[in-house]
Amino acid sequence: MQRPNSDTTDRGRISRIAATAVATAVVGGALALAAPSAGATPASATITAWGKNAARQTDVPTAAQSGVVAIAASTQTGLALKTDGSVVGWGTDSMNLSTIPAAAQSGVVAIDAEGSAALALKSDGSLVGWGEGRSQTPTAPLTGVTEIASSSDAGMALKSDHTIQTWGGSSLTGESNVPAAVQGHAVSIDGGNALSVALTDTGAVAAWGWDGGGGTAVPDAAKSGVVKVVASGNDVAALKSDGSVVTWGASTTAIGPTPAAARSGVVDVAVGFDFAVALKSDGSLVSWGSGNAYGQQNIPAAAGYHATALAANGFFAMTLHAPLASVPPVINGTPPAAVLGQPYDFTVTAATDGGVAQVTEGTLPAGLRMDSSGRITGTPTKAGRATVTVTATTGLGSASWPMTVTVQPQHSTNVQFSSVPPASVDVGALESDQYVRSFAERYNQTLTSNLTVGGTTVPAGTKVNVYYVHDDHVGSDNAAHTLTGSEGFGTKVLATATSTADLQATTALFKAPGTTYPTSTDQGLEFDDSVTKYVDQTGINFTLNSYNASDAARVITLAP
């Protein structure tokens, strides 16, 4: 669906929050092309498409890589409306959709497509239809049109008086039979496979036509508070005023439940066959559905770069967005360590302005995310380390770079933690009367055999993180120096090695390369020391009393 304007309805209930095709005004009973409003799609906007490409529907041509103001998609064809009023098509031409008729090569102000049919509205109110599924369009120009929509074999025009004019369609499916209750109350329209939908001035969705796919069975959640409705094939999606998305239809296979990421903050939505894609207010894109056989849910980073419009159909989708920079991509920067439970904010320098970044391999630590500008934010929920590949993309290509993000444990103020192990933890090497020294020995190590530590057996195949806690006071005054503290890991503490025997037995397995460990018989904790787990077992509390020797403990946790 594409609209020729983005004004708020005069009923004052529905706000047009999604990007629109071209700003227009009704002048003297006909549509006149006007300049896009502030914040509208820039004249240099470009398109990124992804998903099934059997008909080359994701191969966006050069002509559609600049000066685009609106996009539309049929099952195997993409369409772009340009600032000069011309339409560009690509993909399969087996249904005569990508070959644009002469009448649609100038003066066009809105476009739409569905199945094997395409539709264009011109500035004089005339309509142009093409494709195998296109029924005859009205021969005389229409007046007061504010929006057009195409179903698979019918067309609709929404008028300024909130009535809907239809043509084509089948008497058996009834997609052209607008319910009387909708006439005079419609504020937006769209069409699917012999299916028509409308948004009314009460914020409710109405649907009519073929009900075999379930599209006419509007759920209660879409009967109020809706600001946009879209249809494709047998699937329908409604965007609500609270930024959530509701989907229905497709009786044999379905889009499925809306994920948490699309239950708030959504500003635009589109549906294809059994999948949906949503644009959020922070510029991110979310896709979900019952299948991903053609990569239709694998959103490219470039697709979300200042995106202003979505389109989807069949098994592919596309966005209209600002052009990427015409400079080679560059990635650099080493992320500082994050700390469990503390807000994190670091931006990887990913190209220059106009470049986008995405994680293409691996997963960032739990609680952290990276946006398309390369900014990593969030609050980590588990200690550990993750190595990911970041890919930066500009108009001249892509570059990739491996990056490791470490999340340190959350520790007391009298604990000094280092993700880089020291050269030695022997007596006298890490002396302090104020701090217990702690460091990470191993991340994500899989046990190849059962491991028994401190009376607890950790089974083979378990992936673990391992940390070393060390207390060594300054000098040799033969007096107790007590330090108490805690470390939280955000994940289960499986076992602790506190005896000399357990420490020496596990050092061979977990020691940090290049670090020298003590081998004395009093390496472990003494009678007045203690290490205990949190009640929820996600961390430890400790009391360490060092005399002339040092105290040490090894903590083995479940890797995130």
Protein backbone atom coordinates (compact mmCIF):
# COMPACT_ATOMS: atom_id res chain seq x y z
CA MET A 1 0.00 0.00 0.00
CA GLN A 2 1.16 3.53 -0.80
CA ARG A 3 -0.58 6.75 0.17
CA PRO A 4 -0.47 10.07 -1.66
CA ASN A 5 -0.51 12.09 1.56
CA SER A 6 0.38 11.91 5.22
CA ASP A 7 -2.13 14.29 6.79
CA THR A 8 -3.89 13.46 10.02
CA THR A 9 -7.47 12.47 9.43
CA ASP A 10 -10.03 15.20 10.07
CA ARG A 11 -11.69 12.88 12.57
CA GLY A 12 -8.69 13.52 14.80
CA ARG A 13 -8.36 9.89 15.84
CA ILE A 14 -5.81 8.33 13.50
CA SER A 15 -2.31 9.70 13.10
CA ARG A 16 -0.26 8.76 10.02
CA ILE A 17 3.00 7.79 11.64
CA ALA A 18 4.47 5.73 8.81
CA ALA A 19 6.45 7.18 5.90
CA THR A 20 4.20 8.07 2.97
CA ALA A 21 4.51 8.05 -0.77
CA VAL A 22 4.36 11.69 -1.89
CA ALA A 23 2.95 14.75 -0.16
CA THR A 24 -0.14 15.88 -2.04
CA ALA A 25 -3.10 18.17 -1.66
CA VAL A 26 -6.62 18.01 -3.03
CA VAL A 27 -6.90 21.09 -5.26
CA GLY A 28 -10.01 21.89 -7.32
CA GLY A 29 -11.21 18.31 -7.04
CA ALA A 30 -7.95 16.85 -8.38
CA LEU A 31 -4.66 15.77 -6.84
CA ALA A 32 -1.75 18.19 -7.20
CA LEU A 33 1.82 17.14 -6.51
CA ALA A 34 3.39 19.10 -3.65
CA ALA A 35 6.85 19.21 -2.12
CA PRO A 36 7.56 16.59 0.55
CA SER A 37 7.10 17.89 4.08
CA ALA A 38 9.93 18.27 6.58
CA GLY A 39 11.24 14.89 7.66
CA ALA A 40 9.79 13.15 4.63
CA THR A 41 11.72 10.81 2.37
CA PRO A 42 14.77 12.65 0.93
CA ALA A 43 15.01 13.05 -2.82
CA SER A 44 18.20 10.97 -2.84
CA ALA A 45 16.56 8.00 -1.06
CA THR A 46 17.53 4.51 -2.15
CA ILE A 47 16.22 0.94 -1.75
CA THR A 48 17.54 -2.22 -0.13
CA ALA A 49 15.72 -5.50 -0.81
CA TRP A 50 16.26 -8.98 0.64
CA GLY A 51 14.71 -12.46 0.68
CA LYS A 52 13.77 -14.73 -2.20
CA ASN A 53 15.44 -13.70 -5.45
CA ALA A 54 14.32 -16.39 -7.90
CA ALA A 55 12.75 -13.68 -10.08
CA ARG A 56 15.51 -11.13 -9.31
CA GLN A 57 13.07 -9.18 -7.20
CA THR A 58 15.85 -8.23 -4.75
CA ASP A 59 18.18 -6.98 -7.54
CA VAL A 60 17.25 -3.32 -7.27
CA PRO A 61 18.21 -1.56 -10.56
CA THR A 62 20.36 1.55 -10.73
CA ALA A 63 17.35 3.64 -11.74
CA ALA A 64 15.78 2.87 -8.35
CA GLN A 65 18.88 3.73 -6.31
CA SER A 66 18.27 7.47 -6.11
CA GLY A 67 15.42 9.94 -6.21
CA VAL A 68 12.84 7.45 -4.92
CA VAL A 69 9.86 8.65 -2.87
CA ALA A 70 7.74 5.49 -2.53
CA ILE A 71 7.99 1.71 -2.91
CA ALA A 72 5.56 -1.14 -3.49
CA ALA A 73 5.88 -4.90 -3.94
CA SER A 74 3.94 -7.68 -5.59
CA THR A 75 4.76 -11.36 -5.20
CA GLN A 76 7.85 -11.29 -7.46
CA THR A 77 8.17 -7.64 -8.48
CA GLY A 78 9.40 -4.43 -6.93
CA LEU A 79 8.15 -0.96 -7.88
CA ALA A 80 9.61 2.47 -7.10
CA LEU A 81 8.02 5.89 -7.55
CA LYS A 82 10.53 8.64 -8.35
CA THR A 83 10.53 12.37 -7.71
CA ASP A 84 9.86 13.06 -11.41
CA GLY A 85 6.58 11.10 -11.22
CA SER A 86 7.87 8.05 -13.09
CA VAL A 87 7.66 4.43 -11.96
CA VAL A 88 10.51 1.89 -12.13
CA GLY A 89 9.86 -1.85 -12.00
CA TRP A 90 12.08 -4.93 -11.62
CA GLY A 91 11.82 -8.66 -11.01
CA THR A 92 9.74 -11.13 -12.97
CA ASP A 93 7.90 -9.93 -16.05
CA SER A 94 5.96 -13.14 -16.51
CA MET A 95 2.90 -11.30 -15.19
CA ASN A 96 3.63 -8.08 -17.10
CA LEU A 97 4.36 -6.11 -13.94
CA SER A 98 7.95 -4.93 -14.30
CA THR A 99 7.34 -3.44 -17.75
CA ILE A 100 5.84 -0.08 -16.85
CA PRO A 101 3.18 1.23 -19.26
CA ALA A 102 3.76 4.63 -20.87
CA ALA A 103 0.90 6.17 -18.89
CA ALA A 104 2.75 5.41 -15.62
CA GLN A 105 6.05 6.94 -16.70
CA SER A 106 5.09 10.49 -15.73
CA GLY A 107 2.75 12.36 -13.41
CA VAL A 108 2.35 9.50 -10.90
CA VAL A 109 1.80 10.42 -7.24
CA ALA A 110 1.08 7.01 -5.64
CA ILE A 111 1.64 3.32 -6.43
CA ASP A 112 0.54 -0.05 -5.08
CA ALA A 113 0.81 -3.71 -6.10
CA GLU A 114 -0.47 -7.11 -5.05
CA GLY A 115 -0.15 -10.55 -6.63
CA SER A 116 -0.11 -10.08 -10.41
CA ALA A 117 -1.59 -6.56 -10.34
CA ALA A 118 -0.14 -3.06 -10.08
CA LEU A 119 -1.85 0.31 -9.74
CA ALA A 120 -0.76 3.95 -10.09
CA LEU A 121 -2.56 7.20 -9.30
CA LYS A 122 -1.70 10.27 -11.38
CA SER A 123 -1.79 13.91 -10.36
CA ASP A 124 -4.90 14.53 -12.50
CA GLY A 125 -6.84 11.84 -10.64
CA SER A 126 -6.56 9.24 -13.39
CA LEU A 127 -5.61 5.64 -12.62
CA VAL A 128 -3.28 3.31 -14.46
CA GLY A 129 -3.42 -0.45 -13.90
CA TRP A 130 -1.22 -3.15 -15.39
CA GLY A 131 -0.32 -6.83 -14.95
CA GLU A 132 -2.20 -10.04 -15.62
CA GLY A 133 -4.41 -9.64 -12.56
CA ARG A 134 -5.41 -6.03 -13.20
CA SER A 135 -9.08 -5.49 -13.92
CA GLN A 136 -10.12 -2.47 -15.97
CA THR A 137 -9.54 0.76 -14.03
CA PRO A 138 -12.03 3.65 -14.12
CA THR A 139 -11.77 5.45 -17.45
CA ALA A 140 -12.52 8.92 -16.09
CA PRO A 141 -10.26 10.67 -13.56
CA LEU A 142 -11.43 10.44 -9.97
CA THR A 143 -11.76 13.43 -7.67
CA GLY A 144 -10.81 13.79 -4.02
CA VAL A 145 -8.68 10.63 -3.89
CA THR A 146 -6.46 10.42 -0.80
CA GLU A 147 -5.19 6.84 -1.16
CA ILE A 148 -5.18 3.87 -3.53
CA ALA A 149 -4.82 0.13 -2.91
CA SER A 150 -4.67 -2.97 -5.05
CA SER A 151 -5.82 -6.48 -4.23
CA SER A 152 -4.89 -9.44 -6.42
CA ASP A 153 -7.57 -8.67 -9.04
CA ALA A 154 -9.38 -5.55 -7.86
CA GLY A 155 -8.65 -1.92 -7.05
CA MET A 156 -9.79 0.65 -4.48
CA ALA A 157 -9.61 4.40 -4.07
CA LEU A 158 -10.19 6.15 -0.76
CA LYS A 159 -11.91 9.52 -1.16
CA SER A 160 -11.63 12.65 0.97
CA ASP A 161 -15.19 12.06 2.22
CA HIS A 162 -13.97 8.72 3.71
CA THR A 163 -15.85 6.61 1.18
CA ILE A 164 -14.23 3.86 -0.88
CA GLN A 165 -14.66 3.41 -4.63
CA THR A 166 -13.87 -0.06 -5.98
CA TRP A 167 -13.61 -1.80 -9.33
CA GLY A 168 -12.84 -5.28 -10.58
CA GLY A 169 -12.80 -8.32 -8.38
CA SER A 170 -14.92 -11.42 -8.35
CA SER A 171 -18.52 -11.77 -7.25
CA LEU A 172 -17.47 -15.06 -5.65
CA THR A 173 -14.84 -13.51 -3.38
CA GLY A 174 -16.42 -10.10 -2.85
CA GLU A 175 -13.28 -8.02 -2.28
CA SER A 176 -15.00 -5.09 -4.03
CA ASN A 177 -18.09 -5.25 -1.80
CA VAL A 178 -17.33 -2.56 0.76
CA PRO A 179 -19.45 -3.01 3.91
CA ALA A 180 -21.98 -0.23 4.37
CA ALA A 181 -20.67 0.43 7.89
CA VAL A 182 -17.24 1.31 6.45
CA GLN A 183 -18.45 3.80 3.85
CA GLY A 184 -18.01 7.32 5.14
CA HIS A 185 -15.73 6.16 7.95
CA ALA A 186 -12.62 4.82 6.19
CA VAL A 187 -9.27 6.54 6.78
CA SER A 188 -6.92 3.99 5.17
CA ILE A 189 -7.15 0.95 2.86
CA ASP A 190 -5.12 -1.99 1.55
CA GLY A 191 -5.62 -5.25 -0.32
CA GLY A 192 -4.34 -8.82 -0.35
CA ASN A 193 -5.26 -12.01 -2.15
CA ALA A 194 -8.94 -11.36 -3.04
CA LEU A 195 -9.04 -9.63 0.33
CA SER A 196 -9.65 -5.97 1.24
CA VAL A 197 -9.03 -4.19 4.53
CA ALA A 198 -9.77 -0.71 5.82
CA LEU A 199 -9.00 1.31 8.91
CA THR A 200 -11.98 3.27 10.21
CA ASP A 201 -12.14 6.56 12.09
CA THR A 202 -12.78 4.64 15.33
CA GLY A 203 -9.38 2.97 15.12
CA ALA A 204 -10.90 -0.39 14.13
CA VAL A 205 -9.95 -2.66 11.22
CA ALA A 206 -12.64 -3.94 8.85
CA ALA A 207 -11.93 -6.77 6.39
CA TRP A 208 -14.00 -8.30 3.61
CA GLY A 209 -13.62 -10.54 0.57
CA TRP A 210 -12.24 -14.08 0.50
CA ASP A 211 -12.30 -15.54 4.00
CA GLY A 212 -10.66 -18.88 3.19
CA GLY A 213 -7.29 -17.59 4.39
CA GLY A 214 -8.57 -16.17 7.64
CA GLY A 215 -7.86 -12.57 6.72
CA THR A 216 -11.44 -11.41 7.28
CA ALA A 217 -11.47 -12.76 10.86
CA VAL A 218 -10.31 -9.54 12.54
CA PRO A 219 -9.11 -10.27 16.10
CA ASP A 220 -10.38 -8.23 19.03
CA ALA A 221 -6.95 -6.62 19.44
CA ALA A 222 -7.35 -4.98 16.01
CA LYS A 223 -10.80 -3.57 16.67
CA SER A 224 -9.54 -0.48 18.51
CA GLY A 225 -6.47 1.70 18.78
CA VAL A 226 -5.15 0.86 15.29
CA VAL A 227 -3.23 3.49 13.27
CA LYS A 228 -2.27 1.46 10.20
CA VAL A 229 -3.38 -1.76 8.51
CA VAL A 230 -1.60 -3.66 5.71
CA ALA A 231 -2.36 -6.88 3.83
CA SER A 232 -0.41 -9.20 1.56
CA GLY A 233 -1.59 -12.56 0.27
CA ASN A 234 -3.71 -13.98 3.10
CA ASP A 235 -1.86 -12.17 5.89
CA VAL A 236 -2.87 -8.93 7.62
CA ALA A 237 -1.05 -6.75 10.15
CA ALA A 238 -2.31 -3.88 12.25
CA LEU A 239 -0.09 -1.27 13.89
CA LYS A 240 -1.56 0.08 17.11
CA SER A 241 -1.20 3.48 18.74
CA ASP A 242 0.87 1.97 21.56
CA GLY A 243 3.51 0.87 19.01
CA SER A 244 2.55 -2.82 19.05
CA VAL A 245 1.74 -5.06 16.07
CA VAL A 246 -1.12 -7.56 15.69
CA THR A 247 -1.15 -10.11 12.82
CA TRP A 248 -3.70 -12.65 11.56
CA GLY A 249 -4.74 -14.65 8.48
CA ALA A 250 -3.05 -17.47 6.53
CA SER A 251 -5.21 -20.36 7.71
CA THR A 252 -2.73 -23.11 6.79
CA THR A 253 0.49 -21.37 7.84
CA ALA A 254 0.78 -18.18 9.81
CA ILE A 255 3.11 -15.36 10.69
CA GLY A 256 2.89 -16.52 14.28
CA PRO A 257 3.01 -14.65 17.59
CA THR A 258 4.41 -11.14 17.67
CA PRO A 259 7.86 -11.11 19.33
CA ALA A 260 8.60 -8.85 22.28
CA ALA A 261 10.64 -6.52 20.07
CA ALA A 262 7.53 -5.71 18.00
CA ARG A 263 5.18 -5.13 20.92
CA SER A 264 6.34 -1.57 21.48
CA GLY A 265 8.06 1.27 19.65
CA VAL A 266 6.95 0.21 16.15
CA VAL A 267 6.20 3.03 13.68
CA ASP A 268 5.62 1.08 10.44
CA VAL A 269 4.88 -2.50 9.45
CA ALA A 270 4.65 -4.63 6.29
CA VAL A 271 3.73 -8.27 5.68
CA GLY A 272 4.74 -10.85 3.10
CA PHE A 273 3.71 -14.48 2.89
CA ASP A 274 3.92 -15.82 6.45
CA PHE A 275 6.35 -13.17 7.69
CA ALA A 276 6.26 -9.59 8.90
CA VAL A 277 8.80 -6.77 9.17
CA ALA A 278 8.51 -3.76 11.46
CA LEU A 279 10.35 -0.44 11.65
CA LYS A 280 10.92 0.86 15.18
CA SER A 281 11.26 4.42 16.43
CA ASP A 282 14.97 3.92 17.10
CA GLY A 283 15.53 3.05 13.43
CA SER A 284 15.94 -0.69 14.00
CA LEU A 285 14.08 -3.34 12.00
CA VAL A 286 12.47 -6.51 13.33
CA SER A 287 11.26 -9.48 11.28
CA TRP A 288 9.43 -12.64 12.32
CA GLY A 289 7.24 -15.39 10.91
CA SER A 290 6.69 -19.11 10.56
CA GLY A 291 9.57 -19.61 8.15
CA ASN A 292 12.78 -18.14 6.83
CA ALA A 293 13.56 -20.48 3.93
CA TYR A 294 14.46 -17.61 1.60
CA GLY A 295 16.18 -15.33 4.10
CA GLN A 296 13.20 -12.99 4.23
CA GLN A 297 13.87 -12.44 7.94
CA ASN A 298 17.61 -11.83 7.50
CA ILE A 299 17.53 -8.04 7.39
CA PRO A 300 20.65 -6.42 5.89
CA ALA A 301 22.23 -3.64 7.95
CA ALA A 302 21.82 -1.13 5.13
CA ALA A 303 18.04 -1.65 5.13
CA GLY A 304 17.63 0.20 8.41
CA TYR A 305 19.80 3.21 7.62
CA HIS A 306 17.40 6.13 8.17
CA ALA A 307 14.56 4.00 6.75
CA THR A 308 11.32 5.84 5.96
CA ALA A 309 9.13 3.16 4.35
CA LEU A 310 8.64 -0.60 4.17
CA ALA A 311 7.20 -2.91 1.54
CA ALA A 312 6.84 -6.69 1.44
CA ASN A 313 5.12 -9.38 -0.57
CA GLY A 314 5.71 -13.00 -1.41
CA PHE A 315 8.97 -13.99 0.29
CA PHE A 316 10.90 -10.73 0.00
CA ALA A 317 10.89 -7.29 1.57
CA MET A 318 12.49 -3.90 1.01
CA THR A 319 12.99 -0.55 2.67
CA LEU A 320 13.31 2.98 1.39
CA HIS A 321 16.18 4.69 3.17
CA ALA A 322 18.86 7.37 2.98
CA PRO A 323 21.82 6.55 0.72
CA LEU A 324 25.01 5.13 2.21
CA ALA A 325 28.25 7.07 2.10
CA SER A 326 30.32 6.73 -1.07
CA VAL A 327 33.53 6.01 0.84
CA PRO A 328 35.18 2.67 1.62
CA PRO A 329 34.01 1.08 4.87
CA VAL A 330 36.40 1.21 7.83
CA ILE A 331 36.07 -0.53 11.19
CA ASN A 332 38.33 0.05 14.14
CA GLY A 333 38.18 0.38 17.89
CA THR A 334 38.58 -2.07 20.76
CA PRO A 335 35.62 -2.19 23.13
CA PRO A 336 36.51 -1.64 26.80
CA ALA A 337 35.38 -4.30 29.25
CA ALA A 338 31.80 -4.08 30.45
CA VAL A 339 30.84 -4.75 34.06
CA LEU A 340 27.95 -7.00 35.01
CA GLY A 341 24.87 -4.99 35.94
CA GLN A 342 26.30 -1.62 34.94
CA PRO A 343 25.17 0.43 31.89
CA TYR A 344 27.50 0.14 28.91
CA ASP A 345 27.98 2.53 26.00
CA PHE A 346 30.69 2.22 23.36
CA THR A 347 30.68 3.07 19.67
CA VAL A 348 32.80 1.09 17.26
CA THR A 349 34.01 3.47 14.56
CA ALA A 350 32.32 1.86 11.57
CA ALA A 351 33.03 3.80 8.38
CA THR A 352 32.15 7.48 8.12
CA ASP A 353 28.72 9.06 8.35
CA GLY A 354 26.53 7.14 5.95
CA GLY A 355 27.97 3.72 6.83
CA VAL A 356 26.07 1.07 8.75
CA ALA A 357 27.31 -1.71 11.01
CA GLN A 358 25.86 -5.04 12.09
CA VAL A 359 26.94 -8.17 13.93
CA THR A 360 27.23 -10.80 11.20
CA GLU A 361 28.72 -13.68 13.24
CA GLY A 362 28.33 -14.54 16.89
CA THR A 363 26.20 -12.94 19.59
CA LEU A 364 27.00 -10.05 21.90
CA PRO A 365 26.90 -10.75 25.65
CA ALA A 366 23.41 -10.98 27.12
CA GLY A 367 21.93 -7.54 27.73
CA LEU A 368 23.98 -5.73 25.07
CA ARG A 369 22.98 -4.75 21.53
CA MET A 370 24.56 -2.85 18.68
CA ASP A 371 22.60 -0.43 16.49
CA SER A 372 23.28 0.30 12.83
CA SER A 373 25.69 3.12 13.72
CA GLY A 374 27.96 0.66 15.55
CA ARG A 375 26.97 1.84 19.02
CA ILE A 376 26.90 -0.91 21.66
CA THR A 377 24.58 -0.17 24.58
CA GLY A 378 22.68 -1.94 27.32
CA THR A 379 23.29 -3.47 30.72
CA PRO A 380 25.03 -6.88 30.66
CA THR A 381 23.32 -9.60 32.66
CA LYS A 382 26.03 -12.29 32.71
CA ALA A 383 29.79 -12.18 33.12
CA GLY A 384 31.81 -13.73 30.33
CA ARG A 385 33.36 -13.03 26.98
CA ALA A 386 31.93 -13.10 23.44
CA THR A 387 33.72 -12.80 20.13
CA VAL A 388 31.64 -11.46 17.26
CA THR A 389 32.24 -10.30 13.72
CA VAL A 390 31.14 -6.76 12.93
CA THR A 391 30.53 -5.84 9.29
CA ALA A 392 30.46 -2.22 8.11
CA THR A 393 28.73 -1.36 4.84
CA THR A 394 28.86 1.76 2.72
CA GLY A 395 27.93 2.50 -0.87
CA LEU A 396 31.27 1.04 -1.97
CA GLY A 397 31.06 -2.31 -0.24
CA SER A 398 31.61 -4.01 3.12
CA ALA A 399 34.45 -4.75 5.53
CA SER A 400 34.44 -7.16 8.47
CA TRP A 401 36.35 -7.23 11.73
CA PRO A 402 36.43 -9.70 14.68
CA MET A 403 35.73 -8.04 18.02
CA THR A 404 35.78 -9.42 21.56
CA VAL A 405 33.52 -7.97 24.25
CA THR A 406 34.28 -8.94 27.84
CA VAL A 407 31.83 -8.62 30.72
CA GLN A 408 33.62 -8.55 34.06
CA PRO A 409 31.99 -9.85 37.24
CA GLN A 410 30.27 -7.36 39.47
CA HIS A 411 32.56 -7.01 42.46
CA SER A 412 32.96 -5.15 45.72
CA THR A 413 34.93 -1.90 45.83
CA ASN A 414 37.82 -3.73 47.50
CA VAL A 415 38.21 -6.16 44.61
CA GLN A 416 40.48 -5.32 41.67
CA PHE A 417 39.48 -7.37 38.64
CA SER A 418 41.58 -7.85 35.52
CA SER A 419 40.50 -9.60 32.35
CA VAL A 420 44.22 -9.89 31.51
CA PRO A 421 45.83 -12.36 33.94
CA PRO A 422 48.99 -11.17 35.76
CA ALA A 423 52.43 -12.59 35.06
CA SER A 424 52.52 -14.18 38.52
CA VAL A 425 50.28 -14.84 41.49
CA ASP A 426 53.07 -16.08 43.73
CA VAL A 427 53.50 -14.68 47.22
CA GLY A 428 54.67 -11.06 47.06
CA ALA A 429 53.67 -10.54 43.43
CA LEU A 430 50.26 -8.93 43.99
CA GLU A 431 50.56 -7.46 47.47
CA SER A 432 47.88 -5.12 48.80
CA ASP A 433 46.28 -4.30 52.13
CA GLN A 434 43.25 -2.75 50.43
CA TYR A 435 42.34 -5.02 47.54
CA VAL A 436 41.70 -8.65 46.77
CA ARG A 437 42.98 -9.37 43.25
CA SER A 438 40.73 -11.28 40.88
CA PHE A 439 41.13 -12.23 37.25
CA ALA A 440 39.59 -14.39 34.55
CA GLU A 441 41.43 -17.56 33.68
CA ARG A 442 39.19 -19.20 31.10
CA TYR A 443 36.04 -18.28 29.17
CA ASN A 444 33.75 -20.75 27.41
CA GLN A 445 35.83 -23.87 28.09
CA THR A 446 34.01 -27.16 27.57
CA LEU A 447 34.84 -29.91 30.06
CA THR A 448 35.93 -33.10 28.32
CA SER A 449 35.43 -35.25 31.43
CA ASN A 450 33.64 -35.08 34.77
CA LEU A 451 35.28 -32.65 37.19
CA THR A 452 34.95 -33.00 40.98
CA VAL A 453 35.84 -29.88 42.97
CA GLY A 454 35.10 -29.20 46.64
CA GLY A 455 32.80 -32.21 46.79
CA THR A 456 30.79 -31.06 43.74
CA THR A 457 30.93 -32.89 40.39
CA VAL A 458 30.53 -30.87 37.20
CA PRO A 459 29.63 -33.22 34.31
CA ALA A 460 31.55 -33.55 31.07
CA GLY A 461 30.24 -31.37 28.24
CA THR A 462 29.53 -28.41 30.52
CA LYS A 463 30.79 -25.08 29.19
CA VAL A 464 32.37 -23.05 31.98
CA ASN A 465 34.04 -19.76 32.84
CA VAL A 466 36.80 -19.83 35.47
CA TYR A 467 38.02 -17.04 37.76
CA TYR A 468 40.84 -16.79 40.31
CA VAL A 469 40.57 -14.82 43.57
CA HIS A 470 43.85 -13.95 45.34
CA ASP A 471 44.68 -12.15 48.61
CA ASP A 472 48.28 -11.34 49.58
CA HIS A 473 48.96 -8.61 52.15
CA VAL A 474 51.99 -6.32 52.14
CA GLY A 475 54.97 -7.44 54.22
CA SER A 476 55.48 -10.38 56.59
CA ASP A 477 54.35 -9.14 60.00
CA ASN A 478 52.77 -12.47 61.01
CA ALA A 479 49.46 -10.73 61.67
CA ALA A 480 46.07 -11.38 60.12
CA HIS A 481 44.93 -8.95 57.41
CA THR A 482 41.21 -9.41 56.74
CA LEU A 483 39.41 -8.46 53.57
CA THR A 484 35.76 -9.23 52.86
CA GLY A 485 33.95 -8.77 49.56
CA SER A 486 31.81 -10.31 46.88
CA GLU A 487 31.70 -11.05 43.15
CA GLY A 488 28.55 -11.56 41.11
CA PHE A 489 28.65 -13.48 37.82
CA GLY A 490 25.02 -13.37 36.73
CA THR A 491 25.18 -17.09 36.04
CA LYS A 492 25.36 -20.18 38.26
CA VAL A 493 28.47 -20.83 40.34
CA LEU A 494 29.05 -24.54 39.76
CA ALA A 495 31.94 -25.13 42.14
CA THR A 496 34.69 -23.43 44.15
CA ALA A 497 38.21 -24.72 44.70
CA THR A 498 39.45 -23.50 48.08
CA SER A 499 41.79 -26.26 49.28
CA THR A 500 45.40 -26.54 48.18
CA ALA A 501 44.66 -29.98 46.68
CA ASP A 502 41.70 -28.74 44.61
CA LEU A 503 43.57 -25.64 43.45
CA GLN A 504 46.62 -27.56 42.32
CA ALA A 505 44.48 -30.25 40.67
CA THR A 506 42.51 -27.72 38.64
CA THR A 507 45.40 -25.36 37.80
CA ALA A 508 46.62 -27.75 35.11
CA LEU A 509 43.19 -27.54 33.45
CA PHE A 510 42.30 -23.89 33.92
CA LYS A 511 45.51 -21.90 34.39
CA ALA A 512 45.91 -18.74 32.36
CA PRO A 513 48.69 -19.13 29.77
CA GLY A 514 51.83 -17.23 30.78
CA THR A 515 50.84 -16.89 34.44
CA THR A 516 52.91 -18.44 37.25
CA TYR A 517 50.87 -19.96 40.09
CA PRO A 518 52.04 -20.75 43.66
CA THR A 519 52.80 -24.36 44.52
CA SER A 520 53.18 -24.10 48.29
CA THR A 521 51.30 -26.42 50.64
CA ASP A 522 49.39 -23.46 52.14
CA GLN A 523 48.13 -22.14 48.81
CA GLY A 524 44.45 -22.57 49.69
CA LEU A 525 42.26 -21.01 52.35
CA GLU A 526 43.04 -21.39 56.05
CA PHE A 527 40.75 -22.17 58.97
CA ASP A 528 39.44 -18.62 59.36
CA ASP A 529 38.74 -17.95 55.67
CA SER A 530 35.49 -18.60 53.85
CA VAL A 531 33.91 -18.53 50.38
CA THR A 532 30.12 -18.97 50.18
CA LYS A 533 27.67 -18.80 47.30
CA TYR A 534 24.87 -16.24 46.97
CA VAL A 535 21.45 -17.61 47.83
CA ASP A 536 20.62 -17.72 44.10
CA GLN A 537 24.11 -19.19 43.41
CA THR A 538 25.04 -16.43 40.90
CA GLY A 539 28.00 -15.11 42.90
CA ILE A 540 30.21 -15.50 45.97
CA ASN A 541 30.83 -13.76 49.27
CA PHE A 542 34.27 -14.18 50.80
CA THR A 543 36.32 -13.46 53.89
CA LEU A 544 40.10 -13.77 53.43
CA ASN A 545 42.62 -13.51 56.25
CA SER A 546 46.17 -13.54 54.92
CA TYR A 547 49.19 -13.90 57.20
CA ASN A 548 52.69 -14.39 55.79
CA ALA A 549 51.36 -16.49 52.93
CA SER A 550 48.57 -15.78 50.45
CA ASP A 551 44.98 -16.98 50.16
CA ALA A 552 43.43 -18.14 46.89
CA ALA A 553 40.20 -19.59 45.52
CA ARG A 554 39.12 -20.69 42.05
CA VAL A 555 35.50 -20.09 41.02
CA ILE A 556 33.95 -22.20 38.25
CA THR A 557 30.73 -20.82 36.76
CA LEU A 558 28.37 -21.87 34.02
CA ALA A 559 29.30 -20.04 30.82
CA PRO A 560 26.46 -17.84 29.49
